[in-house]
Amino acid sequence: MNATSSAPAAPGRIVLLTTSHRVAPGLLSWPAWQALHAADRVLCADGAHPQLPYLREAGIRVEETSPTAEDLVSACAAGRTVVVVATGEGEPTLTDGLARLAGSGRVSMPELELLPASYDLPGARLLDLVQVMDRIRAECPWSSQQTHKGLAKYGIEEAYELVEAIEEGDRDELREELGDVLLQVVFHARIAEEDEDEPFSIDDVAGGIVAKLIHRHPHVFGDETATTPEEVKQHWLRTKAIEKQRESVTDGIPLGQPALALASKLSSRVRTAGLEVPLPQGEGLGYELLALAARAEAEGVDPEAALRVAARAYRDAVRAAEGVSA
């Protein structure tokens, strides 16, 4: 054996660099920046890729080209490293071609690495929803004409459908109905952006509820302590009372809600406030229902939910009597 013969050249390395469009361009992980700076070549098929200006600003030369799998393998000869900045589709044609070459057994393949350069944080898909809603509002003939008042009925319908999905225990339906309710929030916030006098956006909506949650959970974000649900409720009620500065415990109760829920809410406010207010006495079914709702609330029962359970049982009995399958 010739002692002077050289060892076979290393096959090189291909790095497929993926990024999330939900993260601001240029905010890449440290391993990604290391790979980019150390690469012999950096390639990108999309000349309008949002990362390119930031890569070039960092001194990285990016070639705008769409290499084939064979081109990439050749570019990695003699141990070179090539980084491919993936487009939004993830380069399926290129990866399929590399897989075919590797499966053929006829080519010495470079080391292949998938390197996520930025990651979606929890809730990142909400950004997609905002963008989709923005386009629909601008381009859809129906959506572009909607108002807060015009959409109000859909908010009520979607809320009831969500409650039904919860009570039925259908997980797929629950996920879908939560999405429908979320759509109402995003839709209204998008409409609100166009108000000439008092515009606000989905960020203002989210910011408001974040501030409220932090303020009403001093046992989580502050120095207070709470070890039981009852103590948490007391924190909530106390901070809410300071925020609202209401004249009456009945302030803020929507009178347009279903009657049983309204009666239960009034009873809850009175009981929580420690007031002794006897129920009004009168003739008729309404006063009897009021007393039943107040009794249910005092016993920790939601009268609306209880009545819906009974109503569904009644519906099933009717269908059985009709010979209709469940």
C-alpha atoms as a PDB file:
ATOM      1  CA  MET A   1       0.000   0.000   0.000  1.00  0.00           C
ATOM      2  CA  ASN A   2       1.293   3.431  -0.954  1.00  0.00           C
ATOM      3  CA  ALA A   3       1.813   5.380   2.275  1.00  0.00           C
ATOM      4  CA  THR A   4       1.722   8.648   0.404  1.00  0.00           C
ATOM      5  CA  SER A   5      -1.784   8.158  -1.022  1.00  0.00           C
ATOM      6  CA  SER A   6      -4.293  10.645   0.343  1.00  0.00           C
ATOM      7  CA  ALA A   7      -7.539   9.734   2.075  1.00  0.00           C
ATOM      8  CA  PRO A   8     -10.794  10.260   0.153  1.00  0.00           C
ATOM      9  CA  ALA A   9     -12.030  13.848   0.355  1.00  0.00           C
ATOM     10  CA  ALA A  10     -14.818  14.497   2.805  1.00  0.00           C
ATOM     11  CA  PRO A  11     -18.211  14.638   1.039  1.00  0.00           C
ATOM     12  CA  GLY A  12     -19.079  18.031   2.505  1.00  0.00           C
ATOM     13  CA  ARG A  13     -22.224  19.328   4.124  1.00  0.00           C
ATOM     14  CA  ILE A  14     -25.583  20.717   2.994  1.00  0.00           C
ATOM     15  CA  VAL A  15     -27.495  22.858   5.481  1.00  0.00           C
ATOM     16  CA  LEU A  16     -31.140  23.623   4.738  1.00  0.00           C
ATOM     17  CA  LEU A  17     -31.894  26.792   6.699  1.00  0.00           C
ATOM     18  CA  THR A  18     -35.561  27.340   7.476  1.00  0.00           C
ATOM     19  CA  THR A  19     -37.113  30.494   8.925  1.00  0.00           C
ATOM     20  CA  SER A  20     -40.557  31.494  10.146  1.00  0.00           C
ATOM     21  CA  HIS A  21     -42.362  34.378   8.466  1.00  0.00           C
ATOM     22  CA  ARG A  22     -44.038  34.991  11.827  1.00  0.00           C
ATOM     23  CA  VAL A  23     -40.741  36.151  13.326  1.00  0.00           C
ATOM     24  CA  ALA A  24     -39.212  39.484  12.335  1.00  0.00           C
ATOM     25  CA  PRO A  25     -36.555  39.031   9.591  1.00  0.00           C
ATOM     26  CA  GLY A  26     -33.000  39.090  10.873  1.00  0.00           C
ATOM     27  CA  LEU A  27     -33.845  37.522  14.218  1.00  0.00           C
ATOM     28  CA  LEU A  28     -32.054  34.235  13.694  1.00  0.00           C
ATOM     29  CA  SER A  29     -30.649  31.717  16.148  1.00  0.00           C
ATOM     30  CA  TRP A  30     -26.958  31.750  17.010  1.00  0.00           C
ATOM     31  CA  PRO A  31     -26.347  28.310  15.366  1.00  0.00           C
ATOM     32  CA  ALA A  32     -27.915  29.728  12.196  1.00  0.00           C
ATOM     33  CA  TRP A  33     -25.594  32.745  12.149  1.00  0.00           C
ATOM     34  CA  GLN A  34     -22.605  30.453  12.812  1.00  0.00           C
ATOM     35  CA  ALA A  35     -23.567  28.212   9.899  1.00  0.00           C
ATOM     36  CA  LEU A  36     -24.073  31.174   7.570  1.00  0.00           C
ATOM     37  CA  HIS A  37     -20.729  32.785   8.402  1.00  0.00           C
ATOM     38  CA  ALA A  38     -18.826  29.482   8.157  1.00  0.00           C
ATOM     39  CA  ALA A  39     -20.402  28.341   4.871  1.00  0.00           C
ATOM     40  CA  ASP A  40     -18.422  28.243   1.648  1.00  0.00           C
ATOM     41  CA  ARG A  41     -21.539  29.234  -0.278  1.00  0.00           C
ATOM     42  CA  VAL A  42     -24.998  30.510   0.694  1.00  0.00           C
ATOM     43  CA  LEU A  43     -27.777  29.984  -1.851  1.00  0.00           C
ATOM     44  CA  CYS A  44     -31.395  31.183  -2.036  1.00  0.00           C
ATOM     45  CA  ALA A  45     -33.891  30.637  -4.849  1.00  0.00           C
ATOM     46  CA  ASP A  46     -36.067  33.610  -3.862  1.00  0.00           C
ATOM     47  CA  GLY A  47     -34.482  36.956  -4.595  1.00  0.00           C
ATOM     48  CA  ALA A  48     -37.229  38.652  -2.577  1.00  0.00           C
ATOM     49  CA  HIS A  49     -36.740  36.491   0.515  1.00  0.00           C
ATOM     50  CA  PRO A  50     -37.244  38.785   3.553  1.00  0.00           C
ATOM     51  CA  GLN A  51     -34.058  37.517   5.212  1.00  0.00           C
ATOM     52  CA  LEU A  52     -31.696  38.469   2.378  1.00  0.00           C
ATOM     53  CA  PRO A  53     -31.230  42.183   3.203  1.00  0.00           C
ATOM     54  CA  TYR A  54     -30.287  41.273   6.783  1.00  0.00           C
ATOM     55  CA  LEU A  55     -27.891  38.535   5.708  1.00  0.00           C
ATOM     56  CA  ARG A  56     -26.140  40.888   3.313  1.00  0.00           C
ATOM     57  CA  GLU A  57     -26.000  43.582   5.962  1.00  0.00           C
ATOM     58  CA  ALA A  58     -24.184  41.042   8.145  1.00  0.00           C
ATOM     59  CA  GLY A  59     -21.592  40.573   5.400  1.00  0.00           C
ATOM     60  CA  ILE A  60     -22.889  37.269   4.034  1.00  0.00           C
ATOM     61  CA  ARG A  61     -22.793  36.860   0.259  1.00  0.00           C
ATOM     62  CA  VAL A  62     -25.979  35.190  -0.933  1.00  0.00           C
ATOM     63  CA  GLU A  63     -26.249  33.735  -4.447  1.00  0.00           C
ATOM     64  CA  GLU A  64     -29.738  33.927  -5.940  1.00  0.00           C
ATOM     65  CA  THR A  65     -30.032  30.553  -7.649  1.00  0.00           C
ATOM     66  CA  SER A  66     -32.183  27.427  -7.711  1.00  0.00           C
ATOM     67  CA  PRO A  67     -29.728  24.519  -7.598  1.00  0.00           C
ATOM     68  CA  THR A  68     -30.697  20.969  -8.425  1.00  0.00           C
ATOM     69  CA  ALA A  69     -29.835  18.140  -6.067  1.00  0.00           C
ATOM     70  CA  GLU A  70     -26.921  17.188  -8.356  1.00  0.00           C
ATOM     71  CA  ASP A  71     -25.660  20.788  -8.342  1.00  0.00           C
ATOM     72  CA  LEU A  72     -25.654  20.853  -4.555  1.00  0.00           C
ATOM     73  CA  VAL A  73     -23.796  17.572  -4.207  1.00  0.00           C
ATOM     74  CA  SER A  74     -21.153  18.812  -6.646  1.00  0.00           C
ATOM     75  CA  ALA A  75     -20.864  22.133  -4.801  1.00  0.00           C
ATOM     76  CA  CYS A  76     -20.045  20.236  -1.613  1.00  0.00           C
ATOM     77  CA  ALA A  77     -17.092  18.392  -3.136  1.00  0.00           C
ATOM     78  CA  ALA A  78     -13.798  18.530  -1.262  1.00  0.00           C
ATOM     79  CA  GLY A  79     -15.556  18.987   2.054  1.00  0.00           C
ATOM     80  CA  ARG A  80     -17.254  22.302   1.319  1.00  0.00           C
ATOM     81  CA  THR A  81     -20.361  23.475   3.186  1.00  0.00           C
ATOM     82  CA  VAL A  82     -23.333  24.952   1.318  1.00  0.00           C
ATOM     83  CA  VAL A  83     -26.203  26.635   3.130  1.00  0.00           C
ATOM     84  CA  VAL A  84     -29.546  26.823   1.332  1.00  0.00           C
ATOM     85  CA  VAL A  85     -31.877  29.502   2.684  1.00  0.00           C
ATOM     86  CA  ALA A  86     -35.226  27.802   2.199  1.00  0.00           C
ATOM     87  CA  THR A  87     -38.185  29.595   0.686  1.00  0.00           C
ATOM     88  CA  GLY A  88     -41.607  29.559   2.313  1.00  0.00           C
ATOM     89  CA  GLU A  89     -42.471  26.232   0.702  1.00  0.00           C
ATOM     90  CA  GLY A  90     -39.468  24.531   2.314  1.00  0.00           C
ATOM     91  CA  GLU A  91     -37.741  23.450  -0.945  1.00  0.00           C
ATOM     92  CA  PRO A  92     -39.681  20.166  -1.486  1.00  0.00           C
ATOM     93  CA  THR A  93     -38.307  19.655  -5.013  1.00  0.00           C
ATOM     94  CA  LEU A  94     -34.744  19.973  -3.792  1.00  0.00           C
ATOM     95  CA  THR A  95     -35.189  17.705  -0.768  1.00  0.00           C
ATOM     96  CA  ASP A  96     -36.992  15.083  -2.882  1.00  0.00           C
ATOM     97  CA  GLY A  97     -34.098  15.151  -5.350  1.00  0.00           C
ATOM     98  CA  LEU A  98     -31.557  14.716  -2.565  1.00  0.00           C
ATOM     99  CA  ALA A  99     -33.552  11.795  -1.179  1.00  0.00           C
ATOM    100  CA  ARG A 100     -33.539  10.093  -4.606  1.00  0.00           C
ATOM    101  CA  LEU A 101     -29.792  10.559  -4.943  1.00  0.00           C
ATOM    102  CA  ALA A 102     -29.192   9.171  -1.477  1.00  0.00           C
ATOM    103  CA  GLY A 103     -31.447   6.188  -2.192  1.00  0.00           C
ATOM    104  CA  SER A 104     -29.696   5.354  -5.451  1.00  0.00           C
ATOM    105  CA  GLY A 105     -26.508   4.323  -3.654  1.00  0.00           C
ATOM    106  CA  ARG A 106     -24.432   5.599  -6.579  1.00  0.00           C
ATOM    107  CA  VAL A 107     -23.457   8.956  -5.093  1.00  0.00           C
ATOM    108  CA  SER A 108     -21.329   9.782  -2.075  1.00  0.00           C
ATOM    109  CA  MET A 109     -23.744  12.075  -0.318  1.00  0.00           C
ATOM    110  CA  PRO A 110     -22.789  15.116   1.753  1.00  0.00           C
ATOM    111  CA  GLU A 111     -23.930  15.385   5.314  1.00  0.00           C
ATOM    112  CA  LEU A 112     -27.497  16.718   5.314  1.00  0.00           C
ATOM    113  CA  GLU A 113     -28.762  18.997   8.087  1.00  0.00           C
ATOM    114  CA  LEU A 114     -32.064  20.770   8.623  1.00  0.00           C
ATOM    115  CA  LEU A 115     -31.396  23.879  10.706  1.00  0.00           C
ATOM    116  CA  PRO A 116     -34.386  25.927  11.941  1.00  0.00           C
ATOM    117  CA  ALA A 117     -33.091  29.489  12.147  1.00  0.00           C
ATOM    118  CA  SER A 118     -36.211  30.890  13.812  1.00  0.00           C
ATOM    119  CA  TYR A 119     -39.075  29.235  15.629  1.00  0.00           C
ATOM    120  CA  ASP A 120     -42.761  29.985  16.003  1.00  0.00           C
ATOM    121  CA  LEU A 121     -43.658  30.918  19.550  1.00  0.00           C
ATOM    122  CA  PRO A 122     -46.968  29.744  21.057  1.00  0.00           C
ATOM    123  CA  GLY A 123     -49.740  31.816  19.528  1.00  0.00           C
ATOM    124  CA  ALA A 124     -47.759  32.594  16.379  1.00  0.00           C
ATOM    125  CA  ARG A 125     -50.555  31.338  14.121  1.00  0.00           C
ATOM    126  CA  LEU A 126     -52.695  34.184  15.433  1.00  0.00           C
ATOM    127  CA  LEU A 127     -50.545  36.433  13.253  1.00  0.00           C
ATOM    128  CA  ASP A 128     -51.718  34.451  10.233  1.00  0.00           C
ATOM    129  CA  LEU A 129     -55.318  35.000  11.273  1.00  0.00           C
ATOM    130  CA  VAL A 130     -54.779  38.751  11.558  1.00  0.00           C
ATOM    131  CA  GLN A 131     -53.186  38.865   8.099  1.00  0.00           C
ATOM    132  CA  VAL A 132     -55.935  36.754   6.526  1.00  0.00           C
ATOM    133  CA  MET A 133     -58.623  38.901   8.133  1.00  0.00           C
ATOM    134  CA  ASP A 134     -56.917  42.059   6.909  1.00  0.00           C
ATOM    135  CA  ARG A 135     -56.966  40.809   3.322  1.00  0.00           C
ATOM    136  CA  ILE A 136     -60.551  39.587   3.532  1.00  0.00           C
ATOM    137  CA  ARG A 137     -61.664  42.946   4.917  1.00  0.00           C
ATOM    138  CA  ALA A 138     -59.959  44.711   2.015  1.00  0.00           C
ATOM    139  CA  GLU A 139     -60.963  42.393  -0.837  1.00  0.00           C
ATOM    140  CA  CYS A 140     -64.183  40.511   0.038  1.00  0.00           C
ATOM    141  CA  PRO A 141     -67.356  42.342  -1.106  1.00  0.00           C
ATOM    142  CA  TRP A 142     -69.366  41.019   1.860  1.00  0.00           C
ATOM    143  CA  SER A 143     -66.769  41.338   4.609  1.00  0.00           C
ATOM    144  CA  SER A 144     -65.714  44.826   3.555  1.00  0.00           C
ATOM    145  CA  GLN A 145     -69.249  46.118   4.209  1.00  0.00           C
ATOM    146  CA  GLN A 146     -69.785  44.618   7.663  1.00  0.00           C
ATOM    147  CA  THR A 147     -70.214  46.717  10.817  1.00  0.00           C
ATOM    148  CA  HIS A 148     -70.095  45.984  14.536  1.00  0.00           C
ATOM    149  CA  LYS A 149     -73.901  46.058  14.703  1.00  0.00           C
ATOM    150  CA  GLY A 150     -74.290  43.873  11.660  1.00  0.00           C
ATOM    151  CA  LEU A 151     -72.002  41.209  13.110  1.00  0.00           C
ATOM    152  CA  ALA A 152     -73.496  41.261  16.612  1.00  0.00           C
ATOM    153  CA  LYS A 153     -75.954  38.429  15.920  1.00  0.00           C
ATOM    154  CA  TYR A 154     -73.131  36.171  14.726  1.00  0.00           C
ATOM    155  CA  GLY A 155     -71.254  36.712  17.971  1.00  0.00           C
ATOM    156  CA  ILE A 156     -74.289  35.481  19.895  1.00  0.00           C
ATOM    157  CA  GLU A 157     -74.768  32.491  17.590  1.00  0.00           C
ATOM    158  CA  GLU A 158     -71.118  31.465  17.770  1.00  0.00           C
ATOM    159  CA  ALA A 159     -71.103  31.748  21.562  1.00  0.00           C
ATOM    160  CA  TYR A 160     -74.118  29.434  21.803  1.00  0.00           C
ATOM    161  CA  GLU A 161     -72.542  26.960  19.396  1.00  0.00           C
ATOM    162  CA  LEU A 162     -69.389  26.982  21.527  1.00  0.00           C
ATOM    163  CA  VAL A 163     -71.423  26.242  24.656  1.00  0.00           C
ATOM    164  CA  GLU A 164     -73.176  23.391  22.854  1.00  0.00           C
ATOM    165  CA  ALA A 165     -69.851  21.891  21.765  1.00  0.00           C
ATOM    166  CA  ILE A 166     -68.586  22.066  25.353  1.00  0.00           C
ATOM    167  CA  GLU A 167     -71.691  20.396  26.743  1.00  0.00           C
ATOM    168  CA  GLU A 168     -71.706  17.718  24.031  1.00  0.00           C
ATOM    169  CA  GLY A 169     -68.057  16.905  24.719  1.00  0.00           C
ATOM    170  CA  ASP A 170     -67.134  16.894  21.021  1.00  0.00           C
ATOM    171  CA  ARG A 171     -63.445  17.833  20.872  1.00  0.00           C
ATOM    172  CA  ASP A 172     -63.325  18.437  17.120  1.00  0.00           C
ATOM    173  CA  GLU A 173     -66.418  20.596  17.297  1.00  0.00           C
ATOM    174  CA  LEU A 174     -65.005  22.447  20.302  1.00  0.00           C
ATOM    175  CA  ARG A 175     -61.835  23.353  18.409  1.00  0.00           C
ATOM    176  CA  GLU A 176     -63.844  24.573  15.429  1.00  0.00           C
ATOM    177  CA  GLU A 177     -66.256  26.644  17.505  1.00  0.00           C
ATOM    178  CA  LEU A 178     -63.404  28.251  19.443  1.00  0.00           C
ATOM    179  CA  GLY A 179     -62.022  29.291  16.069  1.00  0.00           C
ATOM    180  CA  ASP A 180     -65.374  30.789  15.078  1.00  0.00           C
ATOM    181  CA  VAL A 181     -65.526  32.797  18.301  1.00  0.00           C
ATOM    182  CA  LEU A 182     -61.941  33.941  17.797  1.00  0.00           C
ATOM    183  CA  LEU A 183     -62.847  35.044  14.284  1.00  0.00           C
ATOM    184  CA  GLN A 184     -65.519  37.329  15.700  1.00  0.00           C
ATOM    185  CA  VAL A 185     -62.947  39.008  17.949  1.00  0.00           C
ATOM    186  CA  VAL A 186     -60.458  39.528  15.132  1.00  0.00           C
ATOM    187  CA  PHE A 187     -63.189  40.679  12.719  1.00  0.00           C
ATOM    188  CA  HIS A 188     -64.504  43.315  15.130  1.00  0.00           C
ATOM    189  CA  ALA A 189     -60.987  44.505  15.907  1.00  0.00           C
ATOM    190  CA  ARG A 190     -60.253  44.874  12.185  1.00  0.00           C
ATOM    191  CA  ILE A 191     -63.417  46.932  11.707  1.00  0.00           C
ATOM    192  CA  ALA A 192     -62.467  49.065  14.701  1.00  0.00           C
ATOM    193  CA  GLU A 193     -59.224  50.084  13.012  1.00  0.00           C
ATOM    194  CA  GLU A 194     -61.242  52.072  10.475  1.00  0.00           C
ATOM    195  CA  ASP A 195     -63.137  54.188  12.991  1.00  0.00           C
ATOM    196  CA  GLU A 196     -62.398  57.860  12.349  1.00  0.00           C
ATOM    197  CA  ASP A 197     -62.829  59.039  15.932  1.00  0.00           C
ATOM    198  CA  GLU A 198     -61.694  56.197  18.202  1.00  0.00           C
ATOM    199  CA  PRO A 199     -59.799  53.550  16.232  1.00  0.00           C
ATOM    200  CA  PHE A 200     -58.182  50.579  17.931  1.00  0.00           C
ATOM    201  CA  SER A 201     -56.552  47.370  16.733  1.00  0.00           C
ATOM    202  CA  ILE A 202     -56.291  43.734  17.753  1.00  0.00           C
ATOM    203  CA  ASP A 203     -53.052  44.667  19.544  1.00  0.00           C
ATOM    204  CA  ASP A 204     -54.983  47.186  21.651  1.00  0.00           C
ATOM    205  CA  VAL A 205     -57.562  44.503  22.450  1.00  0.00           C
ATOM    206  CA  ALA A 206     -54.877  41.987  23.439  1.00  0.00           C
ATOM    207  CA  GLY A 207     -52.929  44.607  25.367  1.00  0.00           C
ATOM    208  CA  GLY A 208     -56.010  45.570  27.335  1.00  0.00           C
ATOM    209  CA  ILE A 209     -56.851  42.040  28.406  1.00  0.00           C
ATOM    210  CA  VAL A 210     -53.208  41.297  29.264  1.00  0.00           C
ATOM    211  CA  ALA A 211     -53.079  44.343  31.532  1.00  0.00           C
ATOM    212  CA  LYS A 212     -56.394  43.358  33.127  1.00  0.00           C
ATOM    213  CA  LEU A 213     -55.299  39.774  33.781  1.00  0.00           C
ATOM    214  CA  ILE A 214     -52.027  40.857  35.351  1.00  0.00           C
ATOM    215  CA  HIS A 215     -53.759  43.413  37.547  1.00  0.00           C
ATOM    216  CA  ARG A 216     -56.435  40.962  38.668  1.00  0.00           C
ATOM    217  CA  HIS A 217     -53.931  38.225  39.490  1.00  0.00           C
ATOM    218  CA  PRO A 218     -51.696  39.852  42.114  1.00  0.00           C
ATOM    219  CA  HIS A 219     -51.109  36.379  43.584  1.00  0.00           C
ATOM    220  CA  VAL A 220     -49.397  35.411  40.292  1.00  0.00           C
ATOM    221  CA  PHE A 221     -47.739  38.640  39.160  1.00  0.00           C
ATOM    222  CA  GLY A 222     -47.479  40.508  42.464  1.00  0.00           C
ATOM    223  CA  ASP A 223     -46.846  40.070  46.155  1.00  0.00           C
ATOM    224  CA  GLU A 224     -50.270  38.766  47.181  1.00  0.00           C
ATOM    225  CA  THR A 225     -50.883  35.110  47.993  1.00  0.00           C
ATOM    226  CA  ALA A 226     -53.793  32.839  47.204  1.00  0.00           C
ATOM    227  CA  THR A 227     -53.929  29.099  47.794  1.00  0.00           C
ATOM    228  CA  THR A 228     -57.602  28.360  47.116  1.00  0.00           C
ATOM    229  CA  PRO A 229     -60.046  29.199  44.316  1.00  0.00           C
ATOM    230  CA  GLU A 230     -62.084  31.197  46.834  1.00  0.00           C
ATOM    231  CA  GLU A 231     -59.105  33.424  47.651  1.00  0.00           C
ATOM    232  CA  VAL A 232     -58.454  33.932  43.948  1.00  0.00           C
ATOM    233  CA  LYS A 233     -62.070  34.979  43.462  1.00  0.00           C
ATOM    234  CA  GLN A 234     -61.764  37.502  46.278  1.00  0.00           C
ATOM    235  CA  HIS A 235     -58.654  39.004  44.646  1.00  0.00           C
ATOM    236  CA  TRP A 236     -60.534  39.237  41.362  1.00  0.00           C
ATOM    237  CA  LEU A 237     -63.620  40.863  42.840  1.00  0.00           C
ATOM    238  CA  ARG A 238     -61.590  43.312  44.919  1.00  0.00           C
ATOM    239  CA  THR A 239     -59.436  44.524  42.028  1.00  0.00           C
ATOM    240  CA  LYS A 240     -62.445  44.619  39.710  1.00  0.00           C
ATOM    241  CA  ALA A 241     -64.354  46.799  42.188  1.00  0.00           C
ATOM    242  CA  ILE A 242     -61.431  49.230  42.345  1.00  0.00           C
ATOM    243  CA  GLU A 243     -61.210  49.369  38.547  1.00  0.00           C
ATOM    244  CA  LYS A 244     -64.902  49.843  37.832  1.00  0.00           C
ATOM    245  CA  GLN A 245     -65.922  52.129  40.711  1.00  0.00           C
ATOM    246  CA  ARG A 246     -69.546  51.113  40.207  1.00  0.00           C
ATOM    247  CA  GLU A 247     -72.443  52.716  42.040  1.00  0.00           C
ATOM    248  CA  SER A 248     -74.440  49.481  42.197  1.00  0.00           C
ATOM    249  CA  VAL A 249     -73.655  45.785  42.214  1.00  0.00           C
ATOM    250  CA  THR A 250     -76.026  45.525  39.258  1.00  0.00           C
ATOM    251  CA  ASP A 251     -73.907  47.829  37.078  1.00  0.00           C
ATOM    252  CA  GLY A 252     -72.345  46.029  34.138  1.00  0.00           C
ATOM    253  CA  ILE A 253     -74.865  43.184  34.038  1.00  0.00           C
ATOM    254  CA  PRO A 254     -76.178  42.973  30.448  1.00  0.00           C
ATOM    255  CA  LEU A 255     -79.957  42.967  30.594  1.00  0.00           C
ATOM    256  CA  GLY A 256     -80.189  41.486  27.106  1.00  0.00           C
ATOM    257  CA  GLN A 257     -78.823  38.089  28.121  1.00  0.00           C
ATOM    258  CA  PRO A 258     -81.140  35.080  28.496  1.00  0.00           C
ATOM    259  CA  ALA A 259     -83.569  35.556  31.378  1.00  0.00           C
ATOM    260  CA  LEU A 260     -82.392  32.624  33.513  1.00  0.00           C
ATOM    261  CA  ALA A 261     -78.774  33.732  33.181  1.00  0.00           C
ATOM    262  CA  LEU A 262     -79.780  37.302  34.030  1.00  0.00           C
ATOM    263  CA  ALA A 263     -81.626  36.196  37.162  1.00  0.00           C
ATOM    264  CA  SER A 264     -78.699  34.011  38.215  1.00  0.00           C
ATOM    265  CA  LYS A 265     -76.194  36.820  37.688  1.00  0.00           C
ATOM    266  CA  LEU A 266     -78.235  39.287  39.713  1.00  0.00           C
ATOM    267  CA  SER A 267     -78.533  36.760  42.512  1.00  0.00           C
ATOM    268  CA  SER A 268     -74.799  36.083  42.427  1.00  0.00           C
ATOM    269  CA  ARG A 269     -73.914  39.777  42.644  1.00  0.00           C
ATOM    270  CA  VAL A 270     -76.256  40.298  45.577  1.00  0.00           C
ATOM    271  CA  ARG A 271     -74.964  37.249  47.449  1.00  0.00           C
ATOM    272  CA  THR A 272     -71.299  38.084  46.813  1.00  0.00           C
ATOM    273  CA  ALA A 273     -71.814  41.647  48.032  1.00  0.00           C
ATOM    274  CA  GLY A 274     -73.397  40.353  51.242  1.00  0.00           C
ATOM    275  CA  LEU A 275     -76.632  42.250  50.657  1.00  0.00           C
ATOM    276  CA  GLU A 276     -79.927  41.139  52.140  1.00  0.00           C
ATOM    277  CA  VAL A 277     -82.416  41.806  49.370  1.00  0.00           C
ATOM    278  CA  PRO A 278     -85.539  39.672  49.416  1.00  0.00           C
ATOM    279  CA  LEU A 279     -86.834  38.471  46.077  1.00  0.00           C
ATOM    280  CA  PRO A 280     -89.776  40.508  44.784  1.00  0.00           C
ATOM    281  CA  GLN A 281     -93.109  38.873  45.422  1.00  0.00           C
ATOM    282  CA  GLY A 282     -95.652  38.718  42.659  1.00  0.00           C
ATOM    283  CA  GLU A 283     -98.017  36.472  40.853  1.00  0.00           C
ATOM    284  CA  GLY A 284     -97.108  34.640  37.746  1.00  0.00           C
ATOM    285  CA  LEU A 285     -94.594  32.178  36.388  1.00  0.00           C
ATOM    286  CA  GLY A 286     -91.878  34.825  36.031  1.00  0.00           C
ATOM    287  CA  TYR A 287     -91.546  35.296  39.781  1.00  0.00           C
ATOM    288  CA  GLU A 288     -91.489  31.533  40.294  1.00  0.00           C
ATOM    289  CA  LEU A 289     -88.708  31.186  37.716  1.00  0.00           C
ATOM    290  CA  LEU A 290     -86.799  34.018  39.378  1.00  0.00           C
ATOM    291  CA  ALA A 291     -86.962  32.178  42.692  1.00  0.00           C
ATOM    292  CA  LEU A 292     -85.806  28.949  41.064  1.00  0.00           C
ATOM    293  CA  ALA A 293     -82.886  30.703  39.364  1.00  0.00           C
ATOM    294  CA  ALA A 294     -81.838  32.354  42.628  1.00  0.00           C
ATOM    295  CA  ARG A 295     -82.029  29.029  44.459  1.00  0.00           C
ATOM    296  CA  ALA A 296     -79.966  27.310  41.768  1.00  0.00           C
ATOM    297  CA  GLU A 297     -77.279  29.993  41.931  1.00  0.00           C
ATOM    298  CA  ALA A 298     -77.109  29.751  45.723  1.00  0.00           C
ATOM    299  CA  GLU A 299     -76.610  25.990  45.373  1.00  0.00           C
ATOM    300  CA  GLY A 300     -73.830  26.442  42.814  1.00  0.00           C
ATOM    301  CA  VAL A 301     -75.929  25.336  39.854  1.00  0.00           C
ATOM    302  CA  ASP A 302     -76.041  27.214  36.542  1.00  0.00           C
ATOM    303  CA  PRO A 303     -79.783  27.351  35.798  1.00  0.00           C
ATOM    304  CA  GLU A 304     -79.194  27.908  32.077  1.00  0.00           C
ATOM    305  CA  ALA A 305     -76.988  24.822  31.830  1.00  0.00           C
ATOM    306  CA  ALA A 306     -79.348  22.764  33.985  1.00  0.00           C
ATOM    307  CA  LEU A 307     -82.324  23.691  31.835  1.00  0.00           C
ATOM    308  CA  ARG A 308     -80.398  22.886  28.641  1.00  0.00           C
ATOM    309  CA  VAL A 309     -79.574  19.414  29.995  1.00  0.00           C
ATOM    310  CA  ALA A 310     -83.252  18.821  30.729  1.00  0.00           C
ATOM    311  CA  ALA A 311     -84.277  20.264  27.359  1.00  0.00           C
ATOM    312  CA  ARG A 312     -81.886  17.953  25.513  1.00  0.00           C
ATOM    313  CA  ALA A 313     -83.317  14.992  27.421  1.00  0.00           C
ATOM    314  CA  TYR A 314     -86.777  16.153  26.353  1.00  0.00           C
ATOM    315  CA  ARG A 315     -85.600  16.453  22.743  1.00  0.00           C
ATOM    316  CA  ASP A 316     -84.234  12.898  22.842  1.00  0.00           C
ATOM    317  CA  ALA A 317     -87.524  11.635  24.246  1.00  0.00           C
ATOM    318  CA  VAL A 318     -89.437  13.364  21.451  1.00  0.00           C
ATOM    319  CA  ARG A 319     -87.167  11.856  18.812  1.00  0.00           C
ATOM    320  CA  ALA A 320     -87.545   8.410  20.390  1.00  0.00           C
ATOM    321  CA  ALA A 321     -91.328   8.758  20.321  1.00  0.00           C
ATOM    322  CA  GLU A 322     -91.083   9.683  16.636  1.00  0.00           C
ATOM    323  CA  GLY A 323     -88.870   6.690  15.933  1.00  0.00           C
ATOM    324  CA  VAL A 324     -86.000   8.967  14.897  1.00  0.00           C
ATOM    325  CA  SER A 325     -82.515   7.695  15.704  1.00  0.00           C
ATOM    326  CA  ALA A 326     -80.308   9.805  17.980  1.00  0.00           C
END
